PDB file of N, CA and C in Angstrom:
ATOM      1  N   UNK A   1      61.940 -39.176 117.395  1.00  0.00           N
ATOM      2  CA  UNK A   1      61.871 -39.049 118.836  1.00  0.00           C
ATOM      3  C   UNK A   1      62.030 -37.579 119.222  1.00  0.00           C
ATOM      4  N   UNK A   2      61.326 -37.195 120.277  1.00  0.00           N
ATOM      5  CA  UNK A   2      61.447 -35.830 120.749  1.00  0.00           C
ATOM      6  C   UNK A   2      61.554 -35.795 122.270  1.00  0.00           C
ATOM      7  N   UNK A   3      61.885 -34.626 122.782  1.00  0.00           N
ATOM      8  CA  UNK A   3      62.070 -34.429 124.216  1.00  0.00           C
ATOM      9  C   UNK A   3      61.008 -33.512 124.808  1.00  0.00           C
ATOM     10  N   UNK A   4      59.859 -33.413 124.175  1.00  0.00           N
ATOM     11  CA  UNK A   4      58.831 -32.485 124.642  1.00  0.00           C
ATOM     12  C   UNK A   4      58.453 -32.778 126.094  1.00  0.00           C
ATOM     13  N   UNK A   5      58.252 -34.022 126.434  1.00  0.00           N
ATOM     14  CA  UNK A   5      57.867 -34.380 127.795  1.00  0.00           C
ATOM     15  C   UNK A   5      58.923 -33.924 128.800  1.00  0.00           C
ATOM     16  N   UNK A   6      60.187 -34.153 128.495  1.00  0.00           N
ATOM     17  CA  UNK A   6      61.267 -33.777 129.402  1.00  0.00           C
ATOM     18  C   UNK A   6      61.361 -32.266 129.569  1.00  0.00           C
ATOM     19  N   UNK A   7      61.214 -31.538 128.463  1.00  0.00           N
ATOM     20  CA  UNK A   7      61.304 -30.077 128.530  1.00  0.00           C
ATOM     21  C   UNK A   7      60.124 -29.508 129.324  1.00  0.00           C
ATOM     22  N   UNK A   8      58.941 -30.051 129.115  1.00  0.00           N
ATOM     23  CA  UNK A   8      57.789 -29.604 129.894  1.00  0.00           C
ATOM     24  C   UNK A   8      58.040 -29.823 131.386  1.00  0.00           C
ATOM     25  N   UNK A   9      58.564 -30.992 131.727  1.00  0.00           N
ATOM     26  CA  UNK A   9      58.844 -31.308 133.123  1.00  0.00           C
ATOM     27  C   UNK A   9      59.898 -30.357 133.698  1.00  0.00           C
ATOM     28  N   UNK A  10      60.970 -30.122 132.942  1.00  0.00           N
ATOM     29  CA  UNK A  10      62.041 -29.217 133.378  1.00  0.00           C
ATOM     30  C   UNK A  10      61.505 -27.819 133.660  1.00  0.00           C
ATOM     31  N   UNK A  11      60.539 -27.379 132.854  1.00  0.00           N
ATOM     32  CA  UNK A  11      60.001 -26.031 132.980  1.00  0.00           C
ATOM     33  C   UNK A  11      58.774 -25.966 133.886  1.00  0.00           C
ATOM     34  N   UNK A  12      58.296 -27.120 134.348  1.00  0.00           N
ATOM     35  CA  UNK A  12      57.125 -27.138 135.220  1.00  0.00           C
ATOM     36  C   UNK A  12      55.841 -26.745 134.508  1.00  0.00           C
ATOM     37  N   UNK A  13      55.753 -27.104 133.243  1.00  0.00           N
ATOM     38  CA  UNK A  13      54.591 -26.754 132.419  1.00  0.00           C
ATOM     39  C   UNK A  13      53.797 -28.020 132.109  1.00  0.00           C
ATOM     40  N   UNK A  14      52.486 -27.909 132.187  1.00  0.00           N
ATOM     41  CA  UNK A  14      51.637 -29.079 131.939  1.00  0.00           C
ATOM     42  C   UNK A  14      51.349 -29.249 130.448  1.00  0.00           C
ATOM     43  N   UNK A  15      51.036 -30.476 130.092  1.00  0.00           N
ATOM     44  CA  UNK A  15      50.643 -30.774 128.719  1.00  0.00           C
ATOM     45  C   UNK A  15      49.343 -30.055 128.380  1.00  0.00           C
ATOM     46  N   UNK A  16      48.448 -29.943 129.357  1.00  0.00           N
ATOM     47  CA  UNK A  16      47.169 -29.264 129.130  1.00  0.00           C
ATOM     48  C   UNK A  16      47.394 -27.787 128.799  1.00  0.00           C
ATOM     49  N   UNK A  17      48.332 -27.140 129.500  1.00  0.00           N
ATOM     50  CA  UNK A  17      48.645 -25.736 129.230  1.00  0.00           C
ATOM     51  C   UNK A  17      49.190 -25.574 127.817  1.00  0.00           C
ATOM     52  N   UNK A  18      50.116 -26.454 127.437  1.00  0.00           N
ATOM     53  CA  UNK A  18      50.695 -26.387 126.095  1.00  0.00           C
ATOM     54  C   UNK A  18      49.628 -26.628 125.036  1.00  0.00           C
ATOM     55  N   UNK A  19      48.742 -27.567 125.285  1.00  0.00           N
ATOM     56  CA  UNK A  19      47.661 -27.850 124.328  1.00  0.00           C
ATOM     57  C   UNK A  19      46.816 -26.599 124.102  1.00  0.00           C
ATOM     58  N   UNK A  20      46.510 -25.902 125.181  1.00  0.00           N
ATOM     59  CA  UNK A  20      45.699 -24.690 125.068  1.00  0.00           C
ATOM     60  C   UNK A  20      46.442 -23.614 124.277  1.00  0.00           C
ATOM     61  N   UNK A  21      47.726 -23.429 124.553  1.00  0.00           N
ATOM     62  CA  UNK A  21      48.540 -22.430 123.849  1.00  0.00           C
ATOM     63  C   UNK A  21      48.646 -22.733 122.352  1.00  0.00           C
ATOM     64  N   UNK A  22      48.707 -24.027 122.008  1.00  0.00           N
ATOM     65  CA  UNK A  22      48.847 -24.425 120.601  1.00  0.00           C
ATOM     66  C   UNK A  22      47.507 -24.585 119.895  1.00  0.00           C
ATOM     67  N   UNK A  23      46.420 -24.495 120.671  1.00  0.00           N
ATOM     68  CA  UNK A  23      45.083 -24.752 120.137  1.00  0.00           C
ATOM     69  C   UNK A  23      44.993 -26.164 119.560  1.00  0.00           C
ATOM     70  N   UNK A  24      45.569 -27.088 120.333  1.00  0.00           N
ATOM     71  CA  UNK A  24      45.533 -28.517 119.988  1.00  0.00           C
ATOM     72  C   UNK A  24      44.838 -29.251 121.124  1.00  0.00           C
ATOM     73  N   UNK A  25      44.408 -30.463 120.874  1.00  0.00           N
ATOM     74  CA  UNK A  25      43.792 -31.244 121.939  1.00  0.00           C
ATOM     75  C   UNK A  25      44.863 -31.758 122.904  1.00  0.00           C
ATOM     76  N   UNK A  26      44.427 -32.003 124.141  1.00  0.00           N
ATOM     77  CA  UNK A  26      45.336 -32.584 125.124  1.00  0.00           C
ATOM     78  C   UNK A  26      45.877 -33.911 124.594  1.00  0.00           C
ATOM     79  N   UNK A  27      45.027 -34.711 123.949  1.00  0.00           N
ATOM     80  CA  UNK A  27      45.452 -36.016 123.443  1.00  0.00           C
ATOM     81  C   UNK A  27      46.581 -35.884 122.421  1.00  0.00           C
ATOM     82  N   UNK A  28      46.510 -34.869 121.577  1.00  0.00           N
ATOM     83  CA  UNK A  28      47.574 -34.661 120.590  1.00  0.00           C
ATOM     84  C   UNK A  28      48.893 -34.366 121.287  1.00  0.00           C
ATOM     85  N   UNK A  29      48.878 -33.456 122.261  1.00  0.00           N
ATOM     86  CA  UNK A  29      50.105 -33.108 122.992  1.00  0.00           C
ATOM     87  C   UNK A  29      50.616 -34.317 123.755  1.00  0.00           C
ATOM     88  N   UNK A  30      49.710 -35.082 124.340  1.00  0.00           N
ATOM     89  CA  UNK A  30      50.108 -36.284 125.076  1.00  0.00           C
ATOM     90  C   UNK A  30      50.769 -37.297 124.138  1.00  0.00           C
ATOM     91  N   UNK A  31      50.259 -37.433 122.928  1.00  0.00           N
ATOM     92  CA  UNK A  31      50.879 -38.334 121.953  1.00  0.00           C
ATOM     93  C   UNK A  31      52.260 -37.833 121.550  1.00  0.00           C
ATOM     94  N   UNK A  32      52.422 -36.507 121.420  1.00  0.00           N
ATOM     95  CA  UNK A  32      53.751 -35.946 121.146  1.00  0.00           C
ATOM     96  C   UNK A  32      54.690 -36.285 122.302  1.00  0.00           C
ATOM     97  N   UNK A  33      54.218 -36.070 123.528  1.00  0.00           N
ATOM     98  CA  UNK A  33      55.050 -36.266 124.721  1.00  0.00           C
ATOM     99  C   UNK A  33      55.466 -37.727 124.893  1.00  0.00           C
ATOM    100  N   UNK A  34      54.597 -38.639 124.479  1.00  0.00           N
ATOM    101  CA  UNK A  34      54.903 -40.068 124.609  1.00  0.00           C
ATOM    102  C   UNK A  34      55.588 -40.632 123.367  1.00  0.00           C
ATOM    103  N   UNK A  35      55.875 -39.778 122.399  1.00  0.00           N
ATOM    104  CA  UNK A  35      56.502 -40.189 121.143  1.00  0.00           C
ATOM    105  C   UNK A  35      55.673 -41.209 120.368  1.00  0.00           C
ATOM    106  N   UNK A  36      54.364 -41.146 120.547  1.00  0.00           N
ATOM    107  CA  UNK A  36      53.453 -41.975 119.766  1.00  0.00           C
ATOM    108  C   UNK A  36      53.242 -41.318 118.403  1.00  0.00           C
ATOM    109  N   UNK A  37      53.298 -40.002 118.422  1.00  0.00           N
ATOM    110  CA  UNK A  37      53.076 -39.183 117.228  1.00  0.00           C
ATOM    111  C   UNK A  37      54.088 -38.047 117.272  1.00  0.00           C
ATOM    112  N   UNK A  38      54.573 -37.628 116.118  1.00  0.00           N
ATOM    113  CA  UNK A  38      55.549 -36.548 116.062  1.00  0.00           C
ATOM    114  C   UNK A  38      54.885 -35.274 115.518  1.00  0.00           C
ATOM    115  N   UNK A  39      55.223 -34.130 116.116  1.00  0.00           N
ATOM    116  CA  UNK A  39      54.652 -32.881 115.609  1.00  0.00           C
ATOM    117  C   UNK A  39      55.236 -32.535 114.237  1.00  0.00           C
ATOM    118  N   UNK A  40      54.471 -31.773 113.491  1.00  0.00           N
ATOM    119  CA  UNK A  40      54.996 -31.266 112.217  1.00  0.00           C
ATOM    120  C   UNK A  40      56.144 -30.313 112.536  1.00  0.00           C
ATOM    121  N   UNK A  41      56.945 -30.019 111.548  1.00  0.00           N
ATOM    122  CA  UNK A  41      58.054 -29.078 111.738  1.00  0.00           C
ATOM    123  C   UNK A  41      57.500 -27.730 112.210  1.00  0.00           C
ATOM    124  N   UNK A  42      56.414 -27.304 111.607  1.00  0.00           N
ATOM    125  CA  UNK A  42      55.793 -26.034 111.998  1.00  0.00           C
ATOM    126  C   UNK A  42      55.395 -26.068 113.481  1.00  0.00           C
ATOM    127  N   UNK A  43      54.739 -27.137 113.895  1.00  0.00           N
ATOM    128  CA  UNK A  43      54.330 -27.247 115.295  1.00  0.00           C
ATOM    129  C   UNK A  43      55.534 -27.371 116.222  1.00  0.00           C
ATOM    130  N   UNK A  44      56.559 -28.044 115.782  1.00  0.00           N
ATOM    131  CA  UNK A  44      57.770 -28.163 116.596  1.00  0.00           C
ATOM    132  C   UNK A  44      58.359 -26.781 116.876  1.00  0.00           C
ATOM    133  N   UNK A  45      58.419 -25.933 115.843  1.00  0.00           N
ATOM    134  CA  UNK A  45      58.929 -24.577 116.032  1.00  0.00           C
ATOM    135  C   UNK A  45      57.999 -23.738 116.903  1.00  0.00           C
ATOM    136  N   UNK A  46      56.693 -23.933 116.764  1.00  0.00           N
ATOM    137  CA  UNK A  46      55.737 -23.222 117.625  1.00  0.00           C
ATOM    138  C   UNK A  46      55.912 -23.636 119.077  1.00  0.00           C
ATOM    139  N   UNK A  47      56.074 -24.943 119.312  1.00  0.00           N
ATOM    140  CA  UNK A  47      56.282 -25.445 120.671  1.00  0.00           C
ATOM    141  C   UNK A  47      57.564 -24.851 121.252  1.00  0.00           C
ATOM    142  N   UNK A  48      58.623 -24.846 120.463  1.00  0.00           N
ATOM    143  CA  UNK A  48      59.900 -24.292 120.920  1.00  0.00           C
ATOM    144  C   UNK A  48      59.744 -22.822 121.300  1.00  0.00           C
ATOM    145  N   UNK A  49      59.043 -22.072 120.488  1.00  0.00           N
ATOM    146  CA  UNK A  49      58.845 -20.647 120.775  1.00  0.00           C
ATOM    147  C   UNK A  49      58.053 -20.467 122.062  1.00  0.00           C
ATOM    148  N   UNK A  50      56.991 -21.217 122.229  1.00  0.00           N
ATOM    149  CA  UNK A  50      56.160 -21.126 123.433  1.00  0.00           C
ATOM    150  C   UNK A  50      56.956 -21.494 124.679  1.00  0.00           C
ATOM    151  N   UNK A  51      57.791 -22.526 124.560  1.00  0.00           N
ATOM    152  CA  UNK A  51      58.574 -22.989 125.712  1.00  0.00           C
ATOM    153  C   UNK A  51      59.878 -22.211 125.877  1.00  0.00           C
ATOM    154  N   UNK A  52      60.142 -21.286 124.952  1.00  0.00           N
ATOM    155  CA  UNK A  52      61.342 -20.461 124.992  1.00  0.00           C
ATOM    156  C   UNK A  52      62.617 -21.307 124.988  1.00  0.00           C
ATOM    157  N   UNK A  53      62.649 -22.248 124.048  1.00  0.00           N
ATOM    158  CA  UNK A  53      63.837 -23.080 123.851  1.00  0.00           C
ATOM    159  C   UNK A  53      64.133 -23.145 122.354  1.00  0.00           C
ATOM    160  N   UNK A  54      65.309 -23.591 122.019  1.00  0.00           N
ATOM    161  CA  UNK A  54      65.678 -23.817 120.636  1.00  0.00           C
ATOM    162  C   UNK A  54      64.984 -25.104 120.177  1.00  0.00           C
ATOM    163  N   UNK A  55      64.472 -25.129 118.964  1.00  0.00           N
ATOM    164  CA  UNK A  55      63.805 -26.323 118.454  1.00  0.00           C
ATOM    165  C   UNK A  55      64.717 -27.543 118.549  1.00  0.00           C
ATOM    166  N   UNK A  56      66.009 -27.346 118.369  1.00  0.00           N
ATOM    167  CA  UNK A  56      66.965 -28.430 118.481  1.00  0.00           C
ATOM    168  C   UNK A  56      66.916 -29.092 119.871  1.00  0.00           C
ATOM    169  N   UNK A  57      66.652 -28.276 120.894  1.00  0.00           N
ATOM    170  CA  UNK A  57      66.570 -28.806 122.265  1.00  0.00           C
ATOM    171  C   UNK A  57      65.383 -29.757 122.455  1.00  0.00           C
ATOM    172  N   UNK A  58      64.403 -29.655 121.577  1.00  0.00           N
ATOM    173  CA  UNK A  58      63.258 -30.560 121.658  1.00  0.00           C
ATOM    174  C   UNK A  58      63.545 -31.891 120.959  1.00  0.00           C
ATOM    175  N   UNK A  59      64.633 -31.927 120.214  1.00  0.00           N
ATOM    176  CA  UNK A  59      64.953 -33.120 119.435  1.00  0.00           C
ATOM    177  C   UNK A  59      66.129 -33.920 119.966  1.00  0.00           C
ATOM    178  N   UNK A  60      67.050 -33.254 120.620  1.00  0.00           N
ATOM    179  CA  UNK A  60      68.264 -33.934 121.051  1.00  0.00           C
ATOM    180  C   UNK A  60      68.532 -33.674 122.525  1.00  0.00           C
ATOM    181  N   UNK A  61      69.230 -34.589 123.147  1.00  0.00           N
ATOM    182  CA  UNK A  61      69.620 -34.383 124.534  1.00  0.00           C
ATOM    183  C   UNK A  61      70.891 -33.563 124.579  1.00  0.00           C
ATOM    184  N   UNK A  62      71.003 -32.771 125.610  1.00  0.00           N
ATOM    185  CA  UNK A  62      72.189 -31.922 125.744  1.00  0.00           C
ATOM    186  C   UNK A  62      73.357 -32.720 126.259  1.00  0.00           C
TER     187      UNK A  62
END
């Protein structure tokens, strides 16, 4: 399980914007956000860097 959807909402960032930054399809990011599919560790760290959060914040609730 991940918190990508919540972090995007907190930061006011769209899934489409993140998809473009990661060079991934919108559907892939949407699947990550809905916890249908989990990002690789590498992608998780890339997402964290782009969103300027700790990777741990994408995995656990504060």
